[in-house]
Amino acid sequence: MQSHIKQFISWWHRTAPETPNSLPPLNRVSIAHLYFVCIHPFEDGNVRIARVLVEKALSDALGKPTLIALSQAIERNKNQYYVKLENNNKNDAMKLFKDFRGREPDIEPLLNRRGLK
């Protein structure tokens, strides 16, 4: 477990904005979310922490707070979110946020305006 967390932290720093290995913001948040949830380092709260990581990654990409209520969007579609998460634990990790984000119209305009899409 500890080695997985160290690998995650190393990956997080290597892929941050303005680094040689930076990733496009939505790719980074998708991978970070699924990566952390798959490690599952805590008995409870892993998904909540993963959502915080998503907000942090988006804020890093923007250089300021996002003001996107991702937790509220997920809460409104909680069952679908967990089905997608489970499917992506078995399949294509990038589809998690592409599929979920595509069904959440109130997030799309914010991402477009901030240049994250």
PDB file of N, CA and C in Angstrom:
ATOM      1  N   MET A   1       0.829  -1.195   0.000  1.00  0.00           N
ATOM      2  CA  MET A   1       0.000   0.000   0.000  1.00  0.00           C
ATOM      3  C   MET A   1       0.870   1.254   0.000  1.00  0.00           C
ATOM      4  N   GLN A   2       1.853   1.285   0.865  1.00  0.00           N
ATOM      5  CA  GLN A   2       2.687   2.470   0.988  1.00  0.00           C
ATOM      6  C   GLN A   2       3.433   2.761  -0.320  1.00  0.00           C
ATOM      7  N   SER A   3       3.892   1.728  -1.008  1.00  0.00           N
ATOM      8  CA  SER A   3       4.595   1.947  -2.275  1.00  0.00           C
ATOM      9  C   SER A   3       3.641   2.496  -3.340  1.00  0.00           C
ATOM     10  N   HIS A   4       2.377   2.059  -3.318  1.00  0.00           N
ATOM     11  CA  HIS A   4       1.401   2.582  -4.269  1.00  0.00           C
ATOM     12  C   HIS A   4       1.136   4.067  -4.031  1.00  0.00           C
ATOM     13  N   ILE A   5       1.046   4.448  -2.772  1.00  0.00           N
ATOM     14  CA  ILE A   5       0.836   5.870  -2.445  1.00  0.00           C
ATOM     15  C   ILE A   5       2.044   6.688  -2.899  1.00  0.00           C
ATOM     16  N   LYS A   6       3.242   6.177  -2.643  1.00  0.00           N
ATOM     17  CA  LYS A   6       4.446   6.892  -3.084  1.00  0.00           C
ATOM     18  C   LYS A   6       4.467   7.039  -4.602  1.00  0.00           C
ATOM     19  N   GLN A   7       4.068   5.997  -5.317  1.00  0.00           N
ATOM     20  CA  GLN A   7       4.009   6.065  -6.779  1.00  0.00           C
ATOM     21  C   GLN A   7       2.971   7.087  -7.224  1.00  0.00           C
ATOM     22  N   PHE A   8       1.830   7.108  -6.542  1.00  0.00           N
ATOM     23  CA  PHE A   8       0.789   8.072  -6.884  1.00  0.00           C
ATOM     24  C   PHE A   8       1.302   9.502  -6.686  1.00  0.00           C
ATOM     25  N   ILE A   9       1.916   9.766  -5.556  1.00  0.00           N
ATOM     26  CA  ILE A   9       2.428  11.116  -5.268  1.00  0.00           C
ATOM     27  C   ILE A   9       3.485  11.516  -6.299  1.00  0.00           C
ATOM     28  N   SER A  10       4.351  10.598  -6.636  1.00  0.00           N
ATOM     29  CA  SER A  10       5.367  10.868  -7.653  1.00  0.00           C
ATOM     30  C   SER A  10       4.708  11.190  -8.996  1.00  0.00           C
ATOM     31  N   TRP A  11       3.721  10.380  -9.389  1.00  0.00           N
ATOM     32  CA  TRP A  11       2.989  10.618 -10.630  1.00  0.00           C
ATOM     33  C   TRP A  11       2.300  11.983 -10.588  1.00  0.00           C
ATOM     34  N   TRP A  12       1.663  12.301  -9.457  1.00  0.00           N
ATOM     35  CA  TRP A  12       0.945  13.570  -9.276  1.00  0.00           C
ATOM     36  C   TRP A  12       1.885  14.750  -9.560  1.00  0.00           C
ATOM     37  N   HIS A  13       3.080  14.704  -8.990  1.00  0.00           N
ATOM     38  CA  HIS A  13       4.028  15.800  -9.172  1.00  0.00           C
ATOM     39  C   HIS A  13       4.605  15.831 -10.589  1.00  0.00           C
ATOM     40  N   ARG A  14       4.870  14.662 -11.152  1.00  0.00           N
ATOM     41  CA  ARG A  14       5.423  14.595 -12.515  1.00  0.00           C
ATOM     42  C   ARG A  14       4.456  15.120 -13.569  1.00  0.00           C
ATOM     43  N   THR A  15       3.155  14.978 -13.351  1.00  0.00           N
ATOM     44  CA  THR A  15       2.160  15.338 -14.355  1.00  0.00           C
ATOM     45  C   THR A  15       1.501  16.691 -14.092  1.00  0.00           C
ATOM     46  N   ALA A  16       2.005  17.419 -13.114  1.00  0.00           N
ATOM     47  CA  ALA A  16       1.435  18.726 -12.758  1.00  0.00           C
ATOM     48  C   ALA A  16       1.604  19.712 -13.914  1.00  0.00           C
ATOM     49  N   PRO A  17       0.740  20.725 -13.957  1.00  0.00           N
ATOM     50  CA  PRO A  17       0.885  21.756 -14.991  1.00  0.00           C
ATOM     51  C   PRO A  17       2.280  22.378 -14.961  1.00  0.00           C
ATOM     52  N   GLU A  18       2.741  22.755 -16.129  1.00  0.00           N
ATOM     53  CA  GLU A  18       4.032  23.421 -16.294  1.00  0.00           C
ATOM     54  C   GLU A  18       5.219  22.550 -15.908  1.00  0.00           C
ATOM     55  N   THR A  19       5.041  21.229 -15.992  1.00  0.00           N
ATOM     56  CA  THR A  19       6.163  20.308 -15.842  1.00  0.00           C
ATOM     57  C   THR A  19       6.380  19.651 -17.206  1.00  0.00           C
ATOM     58  N   PRO A  20       7.552  19.083 -17.437  1.00  0.00           N
ATOM     59  CA  PRO A  20       7.801  18.455 -18.739  1.00  0.00           C
ATOM     60  C   PRO A  20       6.808  17.336 -19.088  1.00  0.00           C
ATOM     61  N   ASN A  21       6.277  16.661 -18.083  1.00  0.00           N
ATOM     62  CA  ASN A  21       5.342  15.555 -18.318  1.00  0.00           C
ATOM     63  C   ASN A  21       3.896  15.920 -18.006  1.00  0.00           C
ATOM     64  N   SER A  22       3.578  17.204 -18.049  1.00  0.00           N
ATOM     65  CA  SER A  22       2.213  17.615 -17.705  1.00  0.00           C
ATOM     66  C   SER A  22       1.210  16.963 -18.646  1.00  0.00           C
ATOM     67  N   LEU A  23       0.036  16.725 -18.104  1.00  0.00           N
ATOM     68  CA  LEU A  23      -1.054  16.142 -18.879  1.00  0.00           C
ATOM     69  C   LEU A  23      -2.140  17.182 -19.100  1.00  0.00           C
ATOM     70  N   PRO A  24      -2.962  17.007 -20.140  1.00  0.00           N
ATOM     71  CA  PRO A  24      -4.131  17.880 -20.268  1.00  0.00           C
ATOM     72  C   PRO A  24      -4.981  17.759 -18.994  1.00  0.00           C
ATOM     73  N   PRO A  25      -5.568  18.867 -18.539  1.00  0.00           N
ATOM     74  CA  PRO A  25      -6.261  18.867 -17.246  1.00  0.00           C
ATOM     75  C   PRO A  25      -7.295  17.761 -17.054  1.00  0.00           C
ATOM     76  N   LEU A  26      -8.161  17.526 -18.027  1.00  0.00           N
ATOM     77  CA  LEU A  26      -9.191  16.492 -17.831  1.00  0.00           C
ATOM     78  C   LEU A  26      -8.606  15.090 -17.837  1.00  0.00           C
ATOM     79  N   ASN A  27      -7.548  14.879 -18.582  1.00  0.00           N
ATOM     80  CA  ASN A  27      -6.879  13.581 -18.521  1.00  0.00           C
ATOM     81  C   ASN A  27      -6.291  13.358 -17.131  1.00  0.00           C
ATOM     82  N   ARG A  28      -5.646  14.397 -16.616  1.00  0.00           N
ATOM     83  CA  ARG A  28      -5.011  14.280 -15.294  1.00  0.00           C
ATOM     84  C   ARG A  28      -6.030  14.029 -14.192  1.00  0.00           C
ATOM     85  N   VAL A  29      -7.159  14.766 -14.217  1.00  0.00           N
ATOM     86  CA  VAL A  29      -8.143  14.569 -13.155  1.00  0.00           C
ATOM     87  C   VAL A  29      -8.780  13.191 -13.254  1.00  0.00           C
ATOM     88  N   SER A  30      -9.021  12.724 -14.467  1.00  0.00           N
ATOM     89  CA  SER A  30      -9.612  11.393 -14.635  1.00  0.00           C
ATOM     90  C   SER A  30      -8.703  10.316 -14.087  1.00  0.00           C
ATOM     91  N   ILE A  31      -7.448  10.392 -14.481  1.00  0.00           N
ATOM     92  CA  ILE A  31      -6.486   9.384 -14.022  1.00  0.00           C
ATOM     93  C   ILE A  31      -6.271   9.491 -12.521  1.00  0.00           C
ATOM     94  N   ALA A  32      -6.118  10.715 -12.003  1.00  0.00           N
ATOM     95  CA  ALA A  32      -5.877  10.895 -10.568  1.00  0.00           C
ATOM     96  C   ALA A  32      -7.012  10.314  -9.737  1.00  0.00           C
ATOM     97  N   HIS A  33      -8.233  10.599 -10.156  1.00  0.00           N
ATOM     98  CA  HIS A  33      -9.399  10.101  -9.425  1.00  0.00           C
ATOM     99  C   HIS A  33      -9.393   8.572  -9.383  1.00  0.00           C
ATOM    100  N   LEU A  34      -9.310   7.970 -10.539  1.00  0.00           N
ATOM    101  CA  LEU A  34      -9.371   6.510 -10.592  1.00  0.00           C
ATOM    102  C   LEU A  34      -8.146   5.869  -9.932  1.00  0.00           C
ATOM    103  N   TYR A  35      -6.980   6.445 -10.142  1.00  0.00           N
ATOM    104  CA  TYR A  35      -5.737   5.942  -9.556  1.00  0.00           C
ATOM    105  C   TYR A  35      -5.881   5.889  -8.030  1.00  0.00           C
ATOM    106  N   PHE A  36      -6.313   6.998  -7.429  1.00  0.00           N
ATOM    107  CA  PHE A  36      -6.429   7.047  -5.973  1.00  0.00           C
ATOM    108  C   PHE A  36      -7.485   6.075  -5.457  1.00  0.00           C
ATOM    109  N   VAL A  37      -8.630   6.034  -6.122  1.00  0.00           N
ATOM    110  CA  VAL A  37      -9.707   5.151  -5.681  1.00  0.00           C
ATOM    111  C   VAL A  37      -9.281   3.682  -5.800  1.00  0.00           C
ATOM    112  N   CYS A  38      -8.512   3.363  -6.828  1.00  0.00           N
ATOM    113  CA  CYS A  38      -8.046   1.976  -6.983  1.00  0.00           C
ATOM    114  C   CYS A  38      -7.037   1.589  -5.899  1.00  0.00           C
ATOM    115  N   ILE A  39      -6.217   2.538  -5.480  1.00  0.00           N
ATOM    116  CA  ILE A  39      -5.291   2.250  -4.367  1.00  0.00           C
ATOM    117  C   ILE A  39      -6.090   1.984  -3.102  1.00  0.00           C
ATOM    118  N   HIS A  40      -7.132   2.766  -2.882  1.00  0.00           N
ATOM    119  CA  HIS A  40      -8.049   2.601  -1.748  1.00  0.00           C
ATOM    120  C   HIS A  40      -7.295   2.505  -0.423  1.00  0.00           C
ATOM    121  N   PRO A  41      -6.546   3.577  -0.073  1.00  0.00           N
ATOM    122  CA  PRO A  41      -5.688   3.489   1.111  1.00  0.00           C
ATOM    123  C   PRO A  41      -6.403   3.562   2.456  1.00  0.00           C
ATOM    124  N   PHE A  42      -7.644   4.013   2.476  1.00  0.00           N
ATOM    125  CA  PHE A  42      -8.352   4.184   3.740  1.00  0.00           C
ATOM    126  C   PHE A  42      -9.584   3.293   3.793  1.00  0.00           C
ATOM    127  N   GLU A  43     -10.017   2.992   4.989  1.00  0.00           N
ATOM    128  CA  GLU A  43     -11.214   2.172   5.167  1.00  0.00           C
ATOM    129  C   GLU A  43     -12.454   2.905   4.665  1.00  0.00           C
ATOM    130  N   ASP A  44     -12.472   4.223   4.863  1.00  0.00           N
ATOM    131  CA  ASP A  44     -13.617   5.030   4.450  1.00  0.00           C
ATOM    132  C   ASP A  44     -13.106   6.366   3.928  1.00  0.00           C
ATOM    133  N   GLY A  45     -13.852   6.979   3.018  1.00  0.00           N
ATOM    134  CA  GLY A  45     -13.537   8.328   2.564  1.00  0.00           C
ATOM    135  C   GLY A  45     -12.669   8.422   1.323  1.00  0.00           C
ATOM    136  N   ASN A  46     -12.341   7.313   0.693  1.00  0.00           N
ATOM    137  CA  ASN A  46     -11.468   7.341  -0.477  1.00  0.00           C
ATOM    138  C   ASN A  46     -12.055   8.142  -1.641  1.00  0.00           C
ATOM    139  N   VAL A  47     -13.339   7.984  -1.881  1.00  0.00           N
ATOM    140  CA  VAL A  47     -13.970   8.711  -2.984  1.00  0.00           C
ATOM    141  C   VAL A  47     -14.026  10.200  -2.673  1.00  0.00           C
ATOM    142  N   ARG A  48     -14.297  10.552  -1.434  1.00  0.00           N
ATOM    143  CA  ARG A  48     -14.308  11.981  -1.067  1.00  0.00           C
ATOM    144  C   ARG A  48     -12.921  12.597  -1.274  1.00  0.00           C
ATOM    145  N   ILE A  49     -11.890  11.880  -0.879  1.00  0.00           N
ATOM    146  CA  ILE A  49     -10.526  12.392  -1.067  1.00  0.00           C
ATOM    147  C   ILE A  49     -10.203  12.478  -2.557  1.00  0.00           C
ATOM    148  N   ALA A  50     -10.646  11.509  -3.326  1.00  0.00           N
ATOM    149  CA  ALA A  50     -10.415  11.537  -4.777  1.00  0.00           C
ATOM    150  C   ALA A  50     -11.080  12.770  -5.394  1.00  0.00           C
ATOM    151  N   ARG A  51     -12.259  13.129  -4.919  1.00  0.00           N
ATOM    152  CA  ARG A  51     -12.932  14.328  -5.435  1.00  0.00           C
ATOM    153  C   ARG A  51     -12.151  15.589  -5.069  1.00  0.00           C
ATOM    154  N   VAL A  52     -11.565  15.612  -3.889  1.00  0.00           N
ATOM    155  CA  VAL A  52     -10.725  16.750  -3.499  1.00  0.00           C
ATOM    156  C   VAL A  52      -9.510  16.830  -4.427  1.00  0.00           C
ATOM    157  N   LEU A  53      -8.943  15.691  -4.757  1.00  0.00           N
ATOM    158  CA  LEU A  53      -7.803  15.670  -5.681  1.00  0.00           C
ATOM    159  C   LEU A  53      -8.207  16.214  -7.058  1.00  0.00           C
ATOM    160  N   VAL A  54      -9.411  15.884  -7.493  1.00  0.00           N
ATOM    161  CA  VAL A  54      -9.915  16.399  -8.767  1.00  0.00           C
ATOM    162  C   VAL A  54     -10.005  17.920  -8.713  1.00  0.00           C
ATOM    163  N   GLU A  55     -10.600  18.436  -7.654  1.00  0.00           N
ATOM    164  CA  GLU A  55     -10.717  19.894  -7.506  1.00  0.00           C
ATOM    165  C   GLU A  55      -9.327  20.545  -7.468  1.00  0.00           C
ATOM    166  N   LYS A  56      -8.397  19.922  -6.769  1.00  0.00           N
ATOM    167  CA  LYS A  56      -7.028  20.453  -6.675  1.00  0.00           C
ATOM    168  C   LYS A  56      -6.359  20.451  -8.043  1.00  0.00           C
ATOM    169  N   ALA A  57      -6.498  19.363  -8.787  1.00  0.00           N
ATOM    170  CA  ALA A  57      -5.879  19.279 -10.111  1.00  0.00           C
ATOM    171  C   ALA A  57      -6.463  20.327 -11.057  1.00  0.00           C
ATOM    172  N   LEU A  58      -7.776  20.515 -11.012  1.00  0.00           N
ATOM    173  CA  LEU A  58      -8.394  21.542 -11.855  1.00  0.00           C
ATOM    174  C   LEU A  58      -7.942  22.942 -11.437  1.00  0.00           C
ATOM    175  N   SER A  59      -7.861  23.178 -10.133  1.00  0.00           N
ATOM    176  CA  SER A  59      -7.391  24.477  -9.636  1.00  0.00           C
ATOM    177  C   SER A  59      -5.944  24.726 -10.057  1.00  0.00           C
ATOM    178  N   ASP A  60      -5.117  23.689  -9.987  1.00  0.00           N
ATOM    179  CA  ASP A  60      -3.723  23.822 -10.422  1.00  0.00           C
ATOM    180  C   ASP A  60      -3.653  24.203 -11.897  1.00  0.00           C
ATOM    181  N   ALA A  61      -4.505  23.579 -12.708  1.00  0.00           N
ATOM    182  CA  ALA A  61      -4.506  23.857 -14.144  1.00  0.00           C
ATOM    183  C   ALA A  61      -4.945  25.297 -14.436  1.00  0.00           C
ATOM    184  N   LEU A  62      -5.884  25.795 -13.637  1.00  0.00           N
ATOM    185  CA  LEU A  62      -6.393  27.153 -13.837  1.00  0.00           C
ATOM    186  C   LEU A  62      -5.525  28.221 -13.172  1.00  0.00           C
ATOM    187  N   GLY A  63      -4.800  27.806 -12.159  1.00  0.00           N
ATOM    188  CA  GLY A  63      -4.031  28.776 -11.391  1.00  0.00           C
ATOM    189  C   GLY A  63      -4.866  29.536 -10.379  1.00  0.00           C
ATOM    190  N   LYS A  64      -6.089  29.022 -10.114  1.00  0.00           N
ATOM    191  CA  LYS A  64      -6.992  29.643  -9.134  1.00  0.00           C
ATOM    192  C   LYS A  64      -8.080  28.628  -8.780  1.00  0.00           C
ATOM    193  N   PRO A  65      -8.855  28.881  -7.715  1.00  0.00           N
ATOM    194  CA  PRO A  65      -9.930  27.940  -7.353  1.00  0.00           C
ATOM    195  C   PRO A  65     -10.926  27.747  -8.499  1.00  0.00           C
ATOM    196  N   THR A  66     -11.504  26.561  -8.575  1.00  0.00           N
ATOM    197  CA  THR A  66     -12.374  26.235  -9.708  1.00  0.00           C
ATOM    198  C   THR A  66     -13.813  26.705  -9.543  1.00  0.00           C
ATOM    199  N   LEU A  67     -14.330  26.669  -8.361  1.00  0.00           N
ATOM    200  CA  LEU A  67     -15.730  26.989  -8.104  1.00  0.00           C
ATOM    201  C   LEU A  67     -16.680  26.009  -8.788  1.00  0.00           C
ATOM    202  N   ILE A  68     -16.207  24.816  -9.082  1.00  0.00           N
ATOM    203  CA  ILE A  68     -17.049  23.765  -9.659  1.00  0.00           C
ATOM    204  C   ILE A  68     -17.478  22.850  -8.520  1.00  0.00           C
ATOM    205  N   ALA A  69     -18.768  22.649  -8.390  1.00  0.00           N
ATOM    206  CA  ALA A  69     -19.301  21.814  -7.310  1.00  0.00           C
ATOM    207  C   ALA A  69     -19.381  20.363  -7.772  1.00  0.00           C
ATOM    208  N   LEU A  70     -18.227  19.750  -7.945  1.00  0.00           N
ATOM    209  CA  LEU A  70     -18.183  18.370  -8.430  1.00  0.00           C
ATOM    210  C   LEU A  70     -18.904  17.420  -7.484  1.00  0.00           C
ATOM    211  N   SER A  71     -18.745  17.611  -6.202  1.00  0.00           N
ATOM    212  CA  SER A  71     -19.410  16.725  -5.240  1.00  0.00           C
ATOM    213  C   SER A  71     -20.923  16.770  -5.389  1.00  0.00           C
ATOM    214  N   GLN A  72     -21.475  17.951  -5.635  1.00  0.00           N
ATOM    215  CA  GLN A  72     -22.922  18.068  -5.824  1.00  0.00           C
ATOM    216  C   GLN A  72     -23.359  17.364  -7.100  1.00  0.00           C
ATOM    217  N   ALA A  73     -22.582  17.518  -8.160  1.00  0.00           N
ATOM    218  CA  ALA A  73     -22.908  16.850  -9.423  1.00  0.00           C
ATOM    219  C   ALA A  73     -22.864  15.341  -9.257  1.00  0.00           C
ATOM    220  N   ILE A  74     -21.884  14.847  -8.566  1.00  0.00           N
ATOM    221  CA  ILE A  74     -21.770  13.404  -8.329  1.00  0.00           C
ATOM    222  C   ILE A  74     -22.921  12.934  -7.444  1.00  0.00           C
ATOM    223  N   GLU A  75     -23.252  13.698  -6.431  1.00  0.00           N
ATOM    224  CA  GLU A  75     -24.339  13.317  -5.517  1.00  0.00           C
ATOM    225  C   GLU A  75     -25.666  13.173  -6.265  1.00  0.00           C
ATOM    226  N   ARG A  76     -25.911  14.067  -7.225  1.00  0.00           N
ATOM    227  CA  ARG A  76     -27.155  13.996  -7.990  1.00  0.00           C
ATOM    228  C   ARG A  76     -27.235  12.736  -8.853  1.00  0.00           C
ATOM    229  N   ASN A  77     -26.089  12.180  -9.196  1.00  0.00           N
ATOM    230  CA  ASN A  77     -26.027  10.997 -10.063  1.00  0.00           C
ATOM    231  C   ASN A  77     -25.216   9.889  -9.398  1.00  0.00           C
ATOM    232  N   LYS A  78     -25.383   9.745  -8.106  1.00  0.00           N
ATOM    233  CA  LYS A  78     -24.524   8.859  -7.325  1.00  0.00           C
ATOM    234  C   LYS A  78     -24.517   7.414  -7.828  1.00  0.00           C
ATOM    235  N   ASN A  79     -25.684   6.853  -8.096  1.00  0.00           N
ATOM    236  CA  ASN A  79     -25.720   5.463  -8.550  1.00  0.00           C
ATOM    237  C   ASN A  79     -24.983   5.296  -9.864  1.00  0.00           C
ATOM    238  N   GLN A  80     -25.237   6.195 -10.798  1.00  0.00           N
ATOM    239  CA  GLN A  80     -24.563   6.135 -12.097  1.00  0.00           C
ATOM    240  C   GLN A  80     -23.055   6.312 -11.918  1.00  0.00           C
ATOM    241  N   TYR A  81     -22.657   7.215 -11.057  1.00  0.00           N
ATOM    242  CA  TYR A  81     -21.239   7.461 -10.777  1.00  0.00           C
ATOM    243  C   TYR A  81     -20.561   6.176 -10.291  1.00  0.00           C
ATOM    244  N   TYR A  82     -21.175   5.480  -9.321  1.00  0.00           N
ATOM    245  CA  TYR A  82     -20.560   4.262  -8.794  1.00  0.00           C
ATOM    246  C   TYR A  82     -20.550   3.130  -9.817  1.00  0.00           C
ATOM    247  N   VAL A  83     -21.573   3.059 -10.655  1.00  0.00           N
ATOM    248  CA  VAL A  83     -21.573   2.056 -11.733  1.00  0.00           C
ATOM    249  C   VAL A  83     -20.413   2.344 -12.683  1.00  0.00           C
ATOM    250  N   LYS A  84     -20.250   3.606 -13.089  1.00  0.00           N
ATOM    251  CA  LYS A  84     -19.148   3.987 -13.980  1.00  0.00           C
ATOM    252  C   LYS A  84     -17.798   3.703 -13.331  1.00  0.00           C
ATOM    253  N   LEU A  85     -17.681   4.031 -12.052  1.00  0.00           N
ATOM    254  CA  LEU A  85     -16.425   3.797 -11.348  1.00  0.00           C
ATOM    255  C   LEU A  85     -16.087   2.319 -11.329  1.00  0.00           C
ATOM    256  N   GLU A  86     -17.064   1.480 -11.010  1.00  0.00           N
ATOM    257  CA  GLU A  86     -16.838   0.035 -10.985  1.00  0.00           C
ATOM    258  C   GLU A  86     -16.472  -0.485 -12.373  1.00  0.00           C
ATOM    259  N   ASN A  87     -17.194  -0.034 -13.396  1.00  0.00           N
ATOM    260  CA  ASN A  87     -16.886  -0.460 -14.770  1.00  0.00           C
ATOM    261  C   ASN A  87     -15.478  -0.061 -15.173  1.00  0.00           C
ATOM    262  N   ASN A  88     -15.059   1.113 -14.758  1.00  0.00           N
ATOM    263  CA  ASN A  88     -13.738   1.586 -15.139  1.00  0.00           C
ATOM    264  C   ASN A  88     -12.632   0.966 -14.310  1.00  0.00           C
ATOM    265  N   ASN A  89     -12.963   0.413 -13.176  1.00  0.00           N
ATOM    266  CA  ASN A  89     -11.970  -0.368 -12.445  1.00  0.00           C
ATOM    267  C   ASN A  89     -11.616  -1.605 -13.255  1.00  0.00           C
ATOM    268  N   LYS A  90     -12.536  -2.021 -14.098  1.00  0.00           N
ATOM    269  CA  LYS A  90     -12.332  -3.224 -14.907  1.00  0.00           C
ATOM    270  C   LYS A  90     -11.927  -2.903 -16.337  1.00  0.00           C
ATOM    271  N   ASN A  91     -12.233  -1.693 -16.812  1.00  0.00           N
ATOM    272  CA  ASN A  91     -12.060  -1.370 -18.230  1.00  0.00           C
ATOM    273  C   ASN A  91     -11.202  -0.129 -18.435  1.00  0.00           C
ATOM    274  N   ASP A  92     -11.691   0.815 -19.237  1.00  0.00           N
ATOM    275  CA  ASP A  92     -10.955   2.004 -19.660  1.00  0.00           C
ATOM    276  C   ASP A  92     -11.111   3.141 -18.658  1.00  0.00           C
ATOM    277  N   ALA A  93     -10.040   3.489 -17.961  1.00  0.00           N
ATOM    278  CA  ALA A  93     -10.088   4.517 -16.914  1.00  0.00           C
ATOM    279  C   ALA A  93     -10.509   5.878 -17.435  1.00  0.00           C
ATOM    280  N   MET A  94     -10.106   6.249 -18.620  1.00  0.00           N
ATOM    281  CA  MET A  94     -10.415   7.581 -19.133  1.00  0.00           C
ATOM    282  C   MET A  94     -11.908   7.779 -19.386  1.00  0.00           C
ATOM    283  N   LYS A  95     -12.655   6.717 -19.575  1.00  0.00           N
ATOM    284  CA  LYS A  95     -14.085   6.850 -19.849  1.00  0.00           C
ATOM    285  C   LYS A  95     -14.857   7.344 -18.626  1.00  0.00           C
ATOM    286  N   LEU A  96     -14.321   7.167 -17.433  1.00  0.00           N
ATOM    287  CA  LEU A  96     -15.044   7.557 -16.222  1.00  0.00           C
ATOM    288  C   LEU A  96     -15.490   9.012 -16.288  1.00  0.00           C
ATOM    289  N   PHE A  97     -14.541   9.923 -16.447  1.00  0.00           N
ATOM    290  CA  PHE A  97     -14.910  11.329 -16.439  1.00  0.00           C
ATOM    291  C   PHE A  97     -15.486  11.786 -17.766  1.00  0.00           C
ATOM    292  N   LYS A  98     -15.059  11.204 -18.869  1.00  0.00           N
ATOM    293  CA  LYS A  98     -15.650  11.565 -20.159  1.00  0.00           C
ATOM    294  C   LYS A  98     -17.143  11.259 -20.126  1.00  0.00           C
ATOM    295  N   ASP A  99     -17.513  10.061 -19.704  1.00  0.00           N
ATOM    296  CA  ASP A  99     -18.917   9.668 -19.660  1.00  0.00           C
ATOM    297  C   ASP A  99     -19.684  10.479 -18.624  1.00  0.00           C
ATOM    298  N   PHE A 100     -19.149  10.585 -17.426  1.00  0.00           N
ATOM    299  CA  PHE A 100     -19.850  11.275 -16.357  1.00  0.00           C
ATOM    300  C   PHE A 100     -19.986  12.753 -16.676  1.00  0.00           C
ATOM    301  N   ARG A 101     -18.914  13.364 -17.114  1.00  0.00           N
ATOM    302  CA  ARG A 101     -18.923  14.791 -17.415  1.00  0.00           C
ATOM    303  C   ARG A 101     -19.890  15.080 -18.557  1.00  0.00           C
ATOM    304  N   GLY A 102     -19.955  14.199 -19.530  1.00  0.00           N
ATOM    305  CA  GLY A 102     -20.841  14.399 -20.656  1.00  0.00           C
ATOM    306  C   GLY A 102     -22.307  14.383 -20.282  1.00  0.00           C
ATOM    307  N   ARG A 103     -22.657  13.824 -19.141  1.00  0.00           N
ATOM    308  CA  ARG A 103     -24.044  13.752 -18.707  1.00  0.00           C
ATOM    309  C   ARG A 103     -24.374  14.860 -17.700  1.00  0.00           C
ATOM    310  N   GLU A 104     -23.433  15.727 -17.435  1.00  0.00           N
ATOM    311  CA  GLU A 104     -23.602  16.757 -16.416  1.00  0.00           C
ATOM    312  C   GLU A 104     -23.521  18.129 -17.070  1.00  0.00           C
ATOM    313  N   PRO A 105     -24.625  18.623 -17.679  1.00  0.00           N
ATOM    314  CA  PRO A 105     -24.562  19.841 -18.477  1.00  0.00           C
ATOM    315  C   PRO A 105     -24.134  21.091 -17.721  1.00  0.00           C
ATOM    316  N   ASP A 106     -24.346  21.163 -16.423  1.00  0.00           N
ATOM    317  CA  ASP A 106     -23.946  22.369 -15.703  1.00  0.00           C
ATOM    318  C   ASP A 106     -22.429  22.476 -15.553  1.00  0.00           C
ATOM    319  N   ILE A 107     -21.694  21.400 -15.761  1.00  0.00           N
ATOM    320  CA  ILE A 107     -20.235  21.438 -15.679  1.00  0.00           C
ATOM    321  C   ILE A 107     -19.627  21.845 -17.020  1.00  0.00           C
ATOM    322  N   GLU A 108     -20.234  21.415 -18.127  1.00  0.00           N
ATOM    323  CA  GLU A 108     -19.690  21.679 -19.460  1.00  0.00           C
ATOM    324  C   GLU A 108     -19.389  23.159 -19.719  1.00  0.00           C
ATOM    325  N   PRO A 109     -20.341  24.071 -19.480  1.00  0.00           N
ATOM    326  CA  PRO A 109     -20.046  25.487 -19.758  1.00  0.00           C
ATOM    327  C   PRO A 109     -18.883  26.028 -18.927  1.00  0.00           C
ATOM    328  N   LEU A 110     -18.780  25.586 -17.692  1.00  0.00           N
ATOM    329  CA  LEU A 110     -17.679  26.039 -16.842  1.00  0.00           C
ATOM    330  C   LEU A 110     -16.348  25.565 -17.394  1.00  0.00           C
ATOM    331  N   LEU A 111     -16.293  24.312 -17.822  1.00  0.00           N
ATOM    332  CA  LEU A 111     -15.056  23.785 -18.381  1.00  0.00           C
ATOM    333  C   LEU A 111     -14.703  24.492 -19.685  1.00  0.00           C
ATOM    334  N   ASN A 112     -15.692  24.754 -20.515  1.00  0.00           N
ATOM    335  CA  ASN A 112     -15.450  25.462 -21.775  1.00  0.00           C
ATOM    336  C   ASN A 112     -14.911  26.864 -21.535  1.00  0.00           C
ATOM    337  N   ARG A 113     -15.543  27.599 -20.631  1.00  0.00           N
ATOM    338  CA  ARG A 113     -15.120  28.971 -20.330  1.00  0.00           C
ATOM    339  C   ARG A 113     -13.712  29.017 -19.765  1.00  0.00           C
ATOM    340  N   ARG A 114     -13.334  27.982 -19.036  1.00  0.00           N
ATOM    341  CA  ARG A 114     -12.012  27.986 -18.402  1.00  0.00           C
ATOM    342  C   ARG A 114     -10.968  27.306 -19.263  1.00  0.00           C
ATOM    343  N   GLY A 115     -11.345  26.886 -20.453  1.00  0.00           N
ATOM    344  CA  GLY A 115     -10.391  26.269 -21.363  1.00  0.00           C
ATOM    345  C   GLY A 115      -9.956  24.885 -20.945  1.00  0.00           C
ATOM    346  N   LEU A 116     -10.808  24.181 -20.185  1.00  0.00           N
ATOM    347  CA  LEU A 116     -10.447  22.844 -19.708  1.00  0.00           C
ATOM    348  C   LEU A 116     -11.034  21.734 -20.569  1.00  0.00           C
ATOM    349  N   LYS A 117     -11.791  22.086 -21.573  1.00  0.00           N
ATOM    350  CA  LYS A 117     -12.384  21.052 -22.427  1.00  0.00           C
ATOM    351  C   LYS A 117     -11.711  21.064 -23.774  1.00  0.00           C
TER     352      LYS A 117
END
